[in-house]
Protein backbone atom coordinates (compact mmCIF):
# COMPACT_ATOMS: atom_id res chain seq x y z
CA MET A 1 -12.20 -3.87 -28.91
CA ALA A 2 -12.31 -0.64 -26.63
CA ILE A 3 -12.98 1.40 -29.78
CA LEU A 4 -16.11 -0.92 -30.60
CA ARG A 5 -16.97 -0.80 -26.86
CA ALA A 6 -17.00 3.27 -26.94
CA MET A 7 -18.86 3.35 -30.32
CA SER A 8 -21.70 0.94 -29.06
CA ILE A 9 -21.78 3.23 -26.13
CA ALA A 10 -21.79 6.43 -28.04
CA ASP A 11 -24.15 5.96 -31.06
CA PRO A 12 -26.39 3.23 -30.30
CA SER A 13 -28.34 1.54 -33.14
CA VAL A 14 -30.73 4.26 -33.69
CA PRO A 15 -31.91 3.25 -36.98
CA PHE A 16 -33.15 -0.19 -35.71
CA VAL A 17 -34.25 0.88 -32.31
CA GLY A 18 -34.93 4.32 -32.97
CA SER A 19 -37.29 3.61 -35.85
CA ALA A 20 -39.67 1.49 -33.63
CA VAL A 21 -39.48 3.78 -30.85
CA LEU A 22 -38.96 7.35 -31.61
CA PRO A 23 -42.10 7.84 -33.75
CA LEU A 24 -44.04 6.84 -31.08
CA ILE A 25 -42.72 9.69 -28.77
CA PHE A 26 -41.91 12.64 -31.26
CA GLY A 27 -44.03 11.92 -34.42
CA ALA A 28 -43.09 10.24 -37.63
CA ASN A 29 -41.40 13.46 -39.02
CA ASP A 30 -39.31 14.80 -36.10
CA SER A 31 -38.11 11.27 -35.47
CA ALA A 32 -37.24 10.52 -39.02
CA ILE A 33 -34.69 13.47 -39.14
CA THR A 34 -32.88 12.71 -36.01
CA ILE A 35 -32.76 8.77 -37.27
CA GLY A 36 -31.19 10.13 -40.32
CA ILE A 37 -28.59 12.10 -38.67
CA CYS A 38 -27.79 9.42 -36.08
CA THR A 39 -27.60 7.12 -39.16
CA LEU A 40 -25.18 9.53 -40.86
CA THR A 41 -23.11 10.03 -37.90
CA ILE A 42 -22.74 6.19 -37.74
CA ASN A 43 -21.85 5.20 -41.11
CA VAL A 44 -20.11 8.38 -42.62
CA ILE A 45 -18.18 9.55 -39.31
CA MET A 46 -17.56 6.60 -36.72
CA LEU A 47 -16.96 3.68 -39.17
CA PRO A 48 -14.19 5.56 -41.04
CA ILE A 49 -12.70 6.38 -37.53
CA ALA A 50 -12.95 3.16 -36.15
CA PHE A 51 -11.35 1.48 -39.26
CA SER A 52 -8.50 3.95 -39.35
CA ALA A 53 -7.63 3.12 -35.54
CA PHE A 54 -7.49 -0.48 -36.46
CA GLY A 55 -4.67 0.22 -38.69
CA ASP A 56 -0.60 -0.79 -38.29
CA ASN A 57 0.36 1.14 -35.41
CA GLY A 58 3.46 1.90 -37.79
CA ASP A 59 1.44 3.41 -40.42
CA THR A 60 1.25 7.40 -40.76
CA VAL A 61 -2.18 9.03 -40.27
CA SER A 62 -2.51 9.54 -44.25
CA ALA A 63 -1.92 5.75 -44.83
CA ARG A 64 -4.11 4.79 -42.24
CA LEU A 65 -6.89 6.82 -43.90
CA LYS A 66 -6.20 5.56 -47.37
CA ASN A 67 -6.49 2.06 -46.38
CA THR A 68 -10.06 3.25 -44.14
CA PHE A 69 -11.26 4.45 -47.32
CA LYS A 70 -10.69 0.95 -49.23
CA LYS A 71 -12.88 -0.86 -46.92
CA PRO A 72 -16.14 -1.98 -48.52
CA LEU A 73 -18.31 -1.15 -45.83
CA VAL A 74 -16.94 2.56 -45.79
CA ILE A 75 -17.06 2.87 -49.44
CA ALA A 76 -21.10 1.82 -49.57
CA ALA A 77 -21.89 3.95 -47.00
CA LEU A 78 -19.95 7.03 -48.54
CA LEU A 79 -21.44 6.21 -51.94
CA GLY A 80 -25.11 5.90 -50.63
CA PHE A 81 -24.69 9.14 -48.81
CA ILE A 82 -23.53 10.65 -52.20
CA LEU A 83 -26.14 9.12 -54.42
CA VAL A 84 -28.80 10.78 -51.77
CA LEU A 85 -27.53 13.99 -51.92
CA CYS A 86 -27.74 13.93 -55.81
CA GLY A 87 -31.36 12.80 -55.18
CA SER A 88 -31.11 9.41 -56.59
CA GLN A 89 -34.26 7.36 -55.79
CA MET A 90 -34.24 3.47 -55.40
CA PRO A 91 -36.23 1.56 -57.92
CA THR A 92 -39.94 0.93 -56.97
CA GLN A 93 -39.29 -2.63 -57.87
CA PHE A 94 -37.47 -2.94 -54.37
CA ASP A 95 -39.54 -1.09 -52.11
CA SER A 96 -41.38 -4.29 -50.96
CA ILE A 97 -37.75 -5.62 -49.92
CA PHE A 98 -37.09 -2.76 -47.82
CA THR A 99 -40.60 -2.49 -46.34
CA LEU A 100 -39.86 -4.24 -42.96
CA ILE A 101 -36.41 -2.51 -42.39
């Protein structure tokens, strides 16, 4: 529970709150970079750390990390990160679904 509280204090939901507030303060281009960096921090760094911390106390660090990278939430975040780095684009049929988000 302490890990979840620390995560919520250390890096709040920037993708949700930040997208509504930051463009008004800093402009759309500058805030998009900040939101992207915070989103990467949450999904690629902090989620695996949190999942590995919830492992059994008797496990070694390597066993915890192996179990962490088997979690669907971590796999999805890393797969999305890799797809973006490879230049993958979302199909235009799905654009309207994510417009509100």
